[in-house]
Amino acid sequence: AAGAIVVCHRLPGYGACVHRALTEGSAAEDPALTFLCEG
């Protein structure tokens, strides 16, 4: 509702979630930088 692209990650664990977040962020090529934060 706030305008984010939402990806549901079902594997348990913070490390797996961070890996998925960095993978999703780096998939977009227009900005070359990915900034990982907490929600």
PDB file of all heavy atoms in Angstrom:
ATOM      1  N   ALA A   1       0.823  -1.211   0.000  1.00  0.00           N
ATOM      2  CA  ALA A   1       0.000   0.000   0.000  1.00  0.00           C
ATOM      3  C   ALA A   1       0.856   1.259   0.000  1.00  0.00           C
ATOM      4  O   ALA A   1       0.448   2.298  -0.530  1.00  0.00           O
ATOM      5  CB  ALA A   1      -0.941  -0.006   1.206  1.00  0.00           C
ATOM      6  N   ALA A   2       2.050   1.186   0.578  1.00  0.00           N
ATOM      7  CA  ALA A   2       2.947   2.347   0.624  1.00  0.00           C
ATOM      8  C   ALA A   2       3.738   2.505  -0.673  1.00  0.00           C
ATOM      9  O   ALA A   2       4.463   3.479  -0.839  1.00  0.00           O
ATOM     10  CB  ALA A   2       3.897   2.225   1.807  1.00  0.00           C
ATOM     11  N   GLY A   3       3.619   1.547  -1.588  1.00  0.00           N
ATOM     12  CA  GLY A   3       4.266   1.682  -2.881  1.00  0.00           C
ATOM     13  C   GLY A   3       5.535   0.876  -3.071  1.00  0.00           C
ATOM     14  O   GLY A   3       6.271   1.095  -4.034  1.00  0.00           O
ATOM     15  N   ALA A   4       5.791  -0.067  -2.197  1.00  0.00           N
ATOM     16  CA  ALA A   4       6.997  -0.891  -2.328  1.00  0.00           C
ATOM     17  C   ALA A   4       6.716  -2.101  -3.207  1.00  0.00           C
ATOM     18  O   ALA A   4       5.580  -2.543  -3.342  1.00  0.00           O
ATOM     19  CB  ALA A   4       7.468  -1.366  -0.955  1.00  0.00           C
ATOM     20  N   ILE A   5       7.770  -2.614  -3.806  1.00  0.00           N
ATOM     21  CA  ILE A   5       7.703  -3.917  -4.470  1.00  0.00           C
ATOM     22  C   ILE A   5       7.891  -4.942  -3.354  1.00  0.00           C
ATOM     23  O   ILE A   5       8.886  -4.900  -2.622  1.00  0.00           O
ATOM     24  CB  ILE A   5       8.821  -4.058  -5.519  1.00  0.00           C
ATOM     25  CG1 ILE A   5       8.688  -2.966  -6.576  1.00  0.00           C
ATOM     26  CG2 ILE A   5       8.810  -5.440  -6.130  1.00  0.00           C
ATOM     27  CD1 ILE A   5       9.911  -2.815  -7.452  1.00  0.00           C
ATOM     28  N   VAL A   6       6.936  -5.842  -3.201  1.00  0.00           N
ATOM     29  CA  VAL A   6       6.967  -6.774  -2.080  1.00  0.00           C
ATOM     30  C   VAL A   6       7.309  -8.174  -2.582  1.00  0.00           C
ATOM     31  O   VAL A   6       6.724  -8.656  -3.542  1.00  0.00           O
ATOM     32  CB  VAL A   6       5.621  -6.797  -1.330  1.00  0.00           C
ATOM     33  CG1 VAL A   6       5.661  -7.791  -0.180  1.00  0.00           C
ATOM     34  CG2 VAL A   6       5.279  -5.411  -0.824  1.00  0.00           C
ATOM     35  N   VAL A   7       8.283  -8.788  -1.917  1.00  0.00           N
ATOM     36  CA  VAL A   7       8.696 -10.161  -2.210  1.00  0.00           C
ATOM     37  C   VAL A   7       8.519 -10.950  -0.923  1.00  0.00           C
ATOM     38  O   VAL A   7       9.033 -10.554   0.127  1.00  0.00           O
ATOM     39  CB  VAL A   7      10.175 -10.216  -2.661  1.00  0.00           C
ATOM     40  CG1 VAL A   7      10.619 -11.646  -2.864  1.00  0.00           C
ATOM     41  CG2 VAL A   7      10.383  -9.386  -3.903  1.00  0.00           C
ATOM     42  N   CYS A   8       7.788 -12.045  -1.006  1.00  0.00           N
ATOM     43  CA  CYS A   8       7.599 -12.887   0.175  1.00  0.00           C
ATOM     44  C   CYS A   8       8.664 -13.982   0.167  1.00  0.00           C
ATOM     45  O   CYS A   8       8.779 -14.747  -0.786  1.00  0.00           O
ATOM     46  CB  CYS A   8       6.199 -13.499   0.180  1.00  0.00           C
ATOM     47  SG  CYS A   8       5.883 -14.427   1.691  1.00  0.00           S
ATOM     48  N   HIS A   9       9.428 -14.022   1.219  1.00  0.00           N
ATOM     49  CA  HIS A   9      10.509 -15.004   1.355  1.00  0.00           C
ATOM     50  C   HIS A   9      10.109 -15.985   2.444  1.00  0.00           C
ATOM     51  O   HIS A   9       9.980 -15.617   3.603  1.00  0.00           O
ATOM     52  CB  HIS A   9      11.816 -14.281   1.717  1.00  0.00           C
ATOM     53  CG  HIS A   9      12.978 -15.197   1.851  1.00  0.00           C
ATOM     54  ND1 HIS A   9      13.565 -15.803   0.776  1.00  0.00           N
ATOM     55  CD2 HIS A   9      13.638 -15.634   2.941  1.00  0.00           C
ATOM     56  CE1 HIS A   9      14.558 -16.564   1.197  1.00  0.00           C
ATOM     57  NE2 HIS A   9      14.614 -16.474   2.501  1.00  0.00           N
ATOM     58  N   ARG A  10       9.917 -17.239   2.084  1.00  0.00           N
ATOM     59  CA  ARG A  10       9.376 -18.225   3.025  1.00  0.00           C
ATOM     60  C   ARG A  10      10.428 -19.024   3.785  1.00  0.00           C
ATOM     61  O   ARG A  10      10.122 -19.663   4.768  1.00  0.00           O
ATOM     62  CB  ARG A  10       8.469 -19.189   2.278  1.00  0.00           C
ATOM     63  CG  ARG A  10       7.322 -18.483   1.598  1.00  0.00           C
ATOM     64  CD  ARG A  10       6.005 -19.022   2.050  1.00  0.00           C
ATOM     65  NE  ARG A  10       4.921 -18.390   1.323  1.00  0.00           N
ATOM     66  CZ  ARG A  10       4.102 -17.504   1.878  1.00  0.00           C
ATOM     67  NH1 ARG A  10       4.248 -17.173   3.124  1.00  0.00           N
ATOM     68  NH2 ARG A  10       3.133 -16.974   1.170  1.00  0.00           N
ATOM     69  N   LEU A  11      11.687 -19.009   3.328  1.00  0.00           N
ATOM     70  CA  LEU A  11      12.720 -19.753   4.042  1.00  0.00           C
ATOM     71  C   LEU A  11      12.999 -19.084   5.383  1.00  0.00           C
ATOM     72  O   LEU A  11      13.139 -17.863   5.456  1.00  0.00           O
ATOM     73  CB  LEU A  11      14.008 -19.815   3.224  1.00  0.00           C
ATOM     74  CG  LEU A  11      13.973 -20.641   1.953  1.00  0.00           C
ATOM     75  CD1 LEU A  11      15.286 -20.510   1.208  1.00  0.00           C
ATOM     76  CD2 LEU A  11      13.682 -22.097   2.263  1.00  0.00           C
ATOM     77  N   PRO A  12      13.106 -19.859   6.450  1.00  0.00           N
ATOM     78  CA  PRO A  12      13.349 -19.251   7.766  1.00  0.00           C
ATOM     79  C   PRO A  12      14.780 -18.736   7.894  1.00  0.00           C
ATOM     80  O   PRO A  12      15.696 -19.228   7.247  1.00  0.00           O
ATOM     81  CB  PRO A  12      13.089 -20.403   8.736  1.00  0.00           C
ATOM     82  CG  PRO A  12      13.367 -21.636   7.948  1.00  0.00           C
ATOM     83  CD  PRO A  12      12.975 -21.308   6.531  1.00  0.00           C
ATOM     84  N   GLY A  13      14.936 -17.731   8.713  1.00  0.00           N
ATOM     85  CA  GLY A  13      16.260 -17.227   9.042  1.00  0.00           C
ATOM     86  C   GLY A  13      16.572 -15.883   8.431  1.00  0.00           C
ATOM     87  O   GLY A  13      16.221 -15.593   7.292  1.00  0.00           O
ATOM     88  N   TYR A  14      17.217 -15.075   9.241  1.00  0.00           N
ATOM     89  CA  TYR A  14      17.559 -13.712   8.823  1.00  0.00           C
ATOM     90  C   TYR A  14      18.595 -13.717   7.699  1.00  0.00           C
ATOM     91  O   TYR A  14      18.512 -12.940   6.762  1.00  0.00           O
ATOM     92  CB  TYR A  14      18.085 -12.927  10.030  1.00  0.00           C
ATOM     93  CG  TYR A  14      18.475 -11.515   9.715  1.00  0.00           C
ATOM     94  CD1 TYR A  14      17.509 -10.569   9.417  1.00  0.00           C
ATOM     95  CD2 TYR A  14      19.807 -11.121   9.707  1.00  0.00           C
ATOM     96  CE1 TYR A  14      17.853  -9.261   9.119  1.00  0.00           C
ATOM     97  CE2 TYR A  14      20.169  -9.825   9.420  1.00  0.00           C
ATOM     98  CZ  TYR A  14      19.181  -8.901   9.129  1.00  0.00           C
ATOM     99  OH  TYR A  14      19.527  -7.612   8.830  1.00  0.00           O
ATOM    100  N   GLY A  15      19.578 -14.587   7.773  1.00  0.00           N
ATOM    101  CA  GLY A  15      20.627 -14.630   6.757  1.00  0.00           C
ATOM    102  C   GLY A  15      20.070 -14.945   5.380  1.00  0.00           C
ATOM    103  O   GLY A  15      20.451 -14.330   4.382  1.00  0.00           O
ATOM    104  N   ALA A  16      19.152 -15.890   5.309  1.00  0.00           N
ATOM    105  CA  ALA A  16      18.529 -16.232   4.033  1.00  0.00           C
ATOM    106  C   ALA A  16      17.710 -15.058   3.505  1.00  0.00           C
ATOM    107  O   ALA A  16      17.687 -14.789   2.298  1.00  0.00           O
ATOM    108  CB  ALA A  16      17.647 -17.465   4.181  1.00  0.00           C
ATOM    109  N   CYS A  17      17.058 -14.340   4.396  1.00  0.00           N
ATOM    110  CA  CYS A  17      16.267 -13.169   3.998  1.00  0.00           C
ATOM    111  C   CYS A  17      17.181 -12.063   3.465  1.00  0.00           C
ATOM    112  O   CYS A  17      16.873 -11.418   2.462  1.00  0.00           O
ATOM    113  CB  CYS A  17      15.441 -12.666   5.180  1.00  0.00           C
ATOM    114  SG  CYS A  17      14.353 -11.291   4.786  1.00  0.00           S
ATOM    115  N   VAL A  18      18.303 -11.833   4.112  1.00  0.00           N
ATOM    116  CA  VAL A  18      19.253 -10.814   3.652  1.00  0.00           C
ATOM    117  C   VAL A  18      19.805 -11.204   2.277  1.00  0.00           C
ATOM    118  O   VAL A  18      19.913 -10.357   1.383  1.00  0.00           O
ATOM    119  CB  VAL A  18      20.396 -10.628   4.681  1.00  0.00           C
ATOM    120  CG1 VAL A  18      21.551  -9.852   4.097  1.00  0.00           C
ATOM    121  CG2 VAL A  18      19.863  -9.940   5.925  1.00  0.00           C
ATOM    122  N   HIS A  19      20.139 -12.467   2.103  1.00  0.00           N
ATOM    123  CA  HIS A  19      20.641 -12.922   0.810  1.00  0.00           C
ATOM    124  C   HIS A  19      19.595 -12.691  -0.279  1.00  0.00           C
ATOM    125  O   HIS A  19      19.909 -12.194  -1.362  1.00  0.00           O
ATOM    126  CB  HIS A  19      21.022 -14.401   0.881  1.00  0.00           C
ATOM    127  CG  HIS A  19      21.644 -14.913  -0.373  1.00  0.00           C
ATOM    128  ND1 HIS A  19      20.897 -15.473  -1.375  1.00  0.00           N
ATOM    129  CD2 HIS A  19      22.929 -14.919  -0.796  1.00  0.00           C
ATOM    130  CE1 HIS A  19      21.688 -15.818  -2.368  1.00  0.00           C
ATOM    131  NE2 HIS A  19      22.931 -15.496  -2.042  1.00  0.00           N
ATOM    132  N   ARG A  20      18.347 -13.016   0.007  1.00  0.00           N
ATOM    133  CA  ARG A  20      17.276 -12.797  -0.964  1.00  0.00           C
ATOM    134  C   ARG A  20      17.101 -11.309  -1.249  1.00  0.00           C
ATOM    135  O   ARG A  20      16.896 -10.904  -2.400  1.00  0.00           O
ATOM    136  CB  ARG A  20      15.970 -13.404  -0.432  1.00  0.00           C
ATOM    137  CG  ARG A  20      14.753 -13.172  -1.288  1.00  0.00           C
ATOM    138  CD  ARG A  20      14.777 -14.048  -2.548  1.00  0.00           C
ATOM    139  NE  ARG A  20      13.650 -13.811  -3.417  1.00  0.00           N
ATOM    140  CZ  ARG A  20      12.507 -14.476  -3.370  1.00  0.00           C
ATOM    141  NH1 ARG A  20      12.332 -15.425  -2.471  1.00  0.00           N
ATOM    142  NH2 ARG A  20      11.546 -14.196  -4.223  1.00  0.00           N
ATOM    143  N   ALA A  21      17.190 -10.481  -0.207  1.00  0.00           N
ATOM    144  CA  ALA A  21      17.041  -9.037  -0.396  1.00  0.00           C
ATOM    145  C   ALA A  21      18.140  -8.486  -1.304  1.00  0.00           C
ATOM    146  O   ALA A  21      17.860  -7.700  -2.218  1.00  0.00           O
ATOM    147  CB  ALA A  21      17.064  -8.321   0.959  1.00  0.00           C
ATOM    148  N   LEU A  22      19.366  -8.902  -1.082  1.00  0.00           N
ATOM    149  CA  LEU A  22      20.461  -8.425  -1.925  1.00  0.00           C
ATOM    150  C   LEU A  22      20.336  -8.958  -3.346  1.00  0.00           C
ATOM    151  O   LEU A  22      20.661  -8.258  -4.303  1.00  0.00           O
ATOM    152  CB  LEU A  22      21.812  -8.811  -1.312  1.00  0.00           C
ATOM    153  CG  LEU A  22      22.147  -8.069  -0.018  1.00  0.00           C
ATOM    154  CD1 LEU A  22      23.409  -8.644   0.615  1.00  0.00           C
ATOM    155  CD2 LEU A  22      22.289  -6.584  -0.258  1.00  0.00           C
ATOM    156  N   THR A  23      19.854 -10.182  -3.494  1.00  0.00           N
ATOM    157  CA  THR A  23      19.632 -10.741  -4.825  1.00  0.00           C
ATOM    158  C   THR A  23      18.550  -9.952  -5.563  1.00  0.00           C
ATOM    159  O   THR A  23      18.718  -9.596  -6.731  1.00  0.00           O
ATOM    160  CB  THR A  23      19.224 -12.226  -4.720  1.00  0.00           C
ATOM    161  OG1 THR A  23      20.254 -12.936  -4.044  1.00  0.00           O
ATOM    162  CG2 THR A  23      18.999 -12.832  -6.088  1.00  0.00           C
ATOM    163  N   GLU A  24      17.449  -9.658  -4.890  1.00  0.00           N
ATOM    164  CA  GLU A  24      16.359  -8.896  -5.511  1.00  0.00           C
ATOM    165  C   GLU A  24      16.813  -7.475  -5.841  1.00  0.00           C
ATOM    166  O   GLU A  24      16.497  -6.944  -6.901  1.00  0.00           O
ATOM    167  CB  GLU A  24      15.140  -8.837  -4.579  1.00  0.00           C
ATOM    168  CG  GLU A  24      14.476 -10.176  -4.352  1.00  0.00           C
ATOM    169  CD  GLU A  24      13.753 -10.711  -5.568  1.00  0.00           C
ATOM    170  OE1 GLU A  24      13.325  -9.907  -6.424  1.00  0.00           O
ATOM    171  OE2 GLU A  24      13.607 -11.941  -5.658  1.00  0.00           O
ATOM    172  N   GLY A  25      17.565  -6.861  -4.946  1.00  0.00           N
ATOM    173  CA  GLY A  25      18.023  -5.491  -5.174  1.00  0.00           C
ATOM    174  C   GLY A  25      19.010  -5.379  -6.309  1.00  0.00           C
ATOM    175  O   GLY A  25      18.982  -4.421  -7.083  1.00  0.00           O
ATOM    176  N   SER A  26      19.887  -6.353  -6.433  1.00  0.00           N
ATOM    177  CA  SER A  26      20.891  -6.281  -7.491  1.00  0.00           C
ATOM    178  C   SER A  26      20.351  -6.739  -8.837  1.00  0.00           C
ATOM    179  O   SER A  26      21.019  -6.579  -9.856  1.00  0.00           O
ATOM    180  CB  SER A  26      22.125  -7.092  -7.110  1.00  0.00           C
ATOM    181  OG  SER A  26      21.784  -8.445  -6.957  1.00  0.00           O
ATOM    182  N   ALA A  27      19.150  -7.314  -8.871  1.00  0.00           N
ATOM    183  CA  ALA A  27      18.556  -7.739 -10.141  1.00  0.00           C
ATOM    184  C   ALA A  27      18.172  -6.538 -11.007  1.00  0.00           C
ATOM    185  O   ALA A  27      18.169  -6.625 -12.223  1.00  0.00           O
ATOM    186  CB  ALA A  27      17.336  -8.615  -9.884  1.00  0.00           C
ATOM    187  N   ALA A  28      17.861  -5.423 -10.376  1.00  0.00           N
ATOM    188  CA  ALA A  28      17.534  -4.211 -11.128  1.00  0.00           C
ATOM    189  C   ALA A  28      18.836  -3.558 -11.562  1.00  0.00           C
ATOM    190  O   ALA A  28      19.698  -3.276 -10.740  1.00  0.00           O
ATOM    191  CB  ALA A  28      16.731  -3.261 -10.252  1.00  0.00           C
ATOM    192  N   GLU A  29      18.987  -3.319 -12.838  1.00  0.00           N
ATOM    193  CA  GLU A  29      20.260  -2.815 -13.346  1.00  0.00           C
ATOM    194  C   GLU A  29      20.316  -1.303 -13.478  1.00  0.00           C
ATOM    195  O   GLU A  29      21.401  -0.746 -13.620  1.00  0.00           O
ATOM    196  CB  GLU A  29      20.562  -3.458 -14.700  1.00  0.00           C
ATOM    197  CG  GLU A  29      20.835  -4.939 -14.568  1.00  0.00           C
ATOM    198  CD  GLU A  29      21.216  -5.564 -15.882  1.00  0.00           C
ATOM    199  OE1 GLU A  29      21.473  -4.829 -16.853  1.00  0.00           O
ATOM    200  OE2 GLU A  29      21.254  -6.799 -15.944  1.00  0.00           O
ATOM    201  N   ASP A  30      19.159  -0.629 -13.479  1.00  0.00           N
ATOM    202  CA  ASP A  30      19.230   0.821 -13.694  1.00  0.00           C
ATOM    203  C   ASP A  30      19.985   1.527 -12.583  1.00  0.00           C
ATOM    204  O   ASP A  30      20.913   2.243 -12.861  1.00  0.00           O
ATOM    205  CB  ASP A  30      17.849   1.421 -13.959  1.00  0.00           C
ATOM    206  CG  ASP A  30      16.807   1.029 -12.928  1.00  0.00           C
ATOM    207  OD1 ASP A  30      16.992   0.009 -12.253  1.00  0.00           O
ATOM    208  OD2 ASP A  30      15.795   1.736 -12.814  1.00  0.00           O
ATOM    209  N   PRO A  31      19.689   1.329 -11.293  1.00  0.00           N
ATOM    210  CA  PRO A  31      20.646   1.830 -10.309  1.00  0.00           C
ATOM    211  C   PRO A  31      21.642   0.723  -9.999  1.00  0.00           C
ATOM    212  O   PRO A  31      21.261  -0.414  -9.744  1.00  0.00           O
ATOM    213  CB  PRO A  31      19.795   2.172  -9.093  1.00  0.00           C
ATOM    214  CG  PRO A  31      18.492   1.517  -9.277  1.00  0.00           C
ATOM    215  CD  PRO A  31      18.395   1.054 -10.693  1.00  0.00           C
ATOM    216  N   ALA A  32      22.904   1.066 -10.042  1.00  0.00           N
ATOM    217  CA  ALA A  32      23.955   0.071  -9.798  1.00  0.00           C
ATOM    218  C   ALA A  32      24.163  -0.200  -8.315  1.00  0.00           C
ATOM    219  O   ALA A  32      24.859  -1.135  -7.952  1.00  0.00           O
ATOM    220  CB  ALA A  32      25.266   0.546 -10.405  1.00  0.00           C
ATOM    221  N   LEU A  33      23.571   0.605  -7.452  1.00  0.00           N
ATOM    222  CA  LEU A  33      23.787   0.475  -6.019  1.00  0.00           C
ATOM    223  C   LEU A  33      22.552  -0.101  -5.337  1.00  0.00           C
ATOM    224  O   LEU A  33      21.422   0.228  -5.693  1.00  0.00           O
ATOM    225  CB  LEU A  33      24.106   1.840  -5.409  1.00  0.00           C
ATOM    226  CG  LEU A  33      25.345   2.532  -5.954  1.00  0.00           C
ATOM    227  CD1 LEU A  33      25.436   3.951  -5.417  1.00  0.00           C
ATOM    228  CD2 LEU A  33      26.584   1.745  -5.590  1.00  0.00           C
ATOM    229  N   THR A  34      22.786  -0.943  -4.348  1.00  0.00           N
ATOM    230  CA  THR A  34      21.715  -1.512  -3.541  1.00  0.00           C
ATOM    231  C   THR A  34      22.005  -1.184  -2.085  1.00  0.00           C
ATOM    232  O   THR A  34      23.109  -1.413  -1.594  1.00  0.00           O
ATOM    233  CB  THR A  34      21.643  -3.045  -3.722  1.00  0.00           C
ATOM    234  OG1 THR A  34      21.441  -3.329  -5.100  1.00  0.00           O
ATOM    235  CG2 THR A  34      20.527  -3.641  -2.909  1.00  0.00           C
ATOM    236  N   PHE A  35      21.012  -0.642  -1.402  1.00  0.00           N
ATOM    237  CA  PHE A  35      21.148  -0.220  -0.013  1.00  0.00           C
ATOM    238  C   PHE A  35      20.257  -1.119   0.837  1.00  0.00           C
ATOM    239  O   PHE A  35      19.041  -1.076   0.733  1.00  0.00           O
ATOM    240  CB  PHE A  35      20.742   1.246   0.107  1.00  0.00           C
ATOM    241  CG  PHE A  35      20.987   1.885   1.441  1.00  0.00           C
ATOM    242  CD1 PHE A  35      22.067   1.545   2.223  1.00  0.00           C
ATOM    243  CD2 PHE A  35      20.127   2.869   1.914  1.00  0.00           C
ATOM    244  CE1 PHE A  35      22.296   2.155   3.436  1.00  0.00           C
ATOM    245  CE2 PHE A  35      20.344   3.486   3.129  1.00  0.00           C
ATOM    246  CZ  PHE A  35      21.428   3.130   3.893  1.00  0.00           C
ATOM    247  N   LEU A  36      20.864  -1.963   1.673  1.00  0.00           N
ATOM    248  CA  LEU A  36      20.142  -2.919   2.508  1.00  0.00           C
ATOM    249  C   LEU A  36      19.837  -2.288   3.860  1.00  0.00           C
ATOM    250  O   LEU A  36      20.746  -1.811   4.548  1.00  0.00           O
ATOM    251  CB  LEU A  36      20.976  -4.185   2.702  1.00  0.00           C
ATOM    252  CG  LEU A  36      20.436  -5.225   3.666  1.00  0.00           C
ATOM    253  CD1 LEU A  36      19.154  -5.844   3.125  1.00  0.00           C
ATOM    254  CD2 LEU A  36      21.482  -6.289   3.915  1.00  0.00           C
ATOM    255  N   CYS A  37      18.577  -2.308   4.242  1.00  0.00           N
ATOM    256  CA  CYS A  37      18.157  -1.730   5.528  1.00  0.00           C
ATOM    257  C   CYS A  37      17.115  -2.633   6.169  1.00  0.00           C
ATOM    258  O   CYS A  37      16.718  -3.641   5.610  1.00  0.00           O
ATOM    259  CB  CYS A  37      17.559  -0.339   5.314  1.00  0.00           C
ATOM    260  SG  CYS A  37      18.691   0.845   4.621  1.00  0.00           S
ATOM    261  N   GLU A  38      16.659  -2.224   7.314  1.00  0.00           N
ATOM    262  CA  GLU A  38      15.606  -2.928   8.046  1.00  0.00           C
ATOM    263  C   GLU A  38      14.289  -2.183   7.866  1.00  0.00           C
ATOM    264  O   GLU A  38      14.274  -0.971   7.725  1.00  0.00           O
ATOM    265  CB  GLU A  38      15.941  -2.982   9.536  1.00  0.00           C
ATOM    266  CG  GLU A  38      17.282  -3.578   9.853  1.00  0.00           C
ATOM    267  CD  GLU A  38      17.340  -5.053   9.572  1.00  0.00           C
ATOM    268  OE1 GLU A  38      16.307  -5.733   9.693  1.00  0.00           O
ATOM    269  OE2 GLU A  38      18.421  -5.535   9.211  1.00  0.00           O
ATOM    270  N   GLY A  39      13.200  -2.915   7.929  1.00  0.00           N
ATOM    271  CA  GLY A  39      11.888  -2.306   7.772  1.00  0.00           C
ATOM    272  C   GLY A  39      11.297  -1.776   9.060  1.00  0.00           C
ATOM    273  O   GLY A  39      10.157  -1.322   9.085  1.00  0.00           O
TER     274      GLY A  39
END
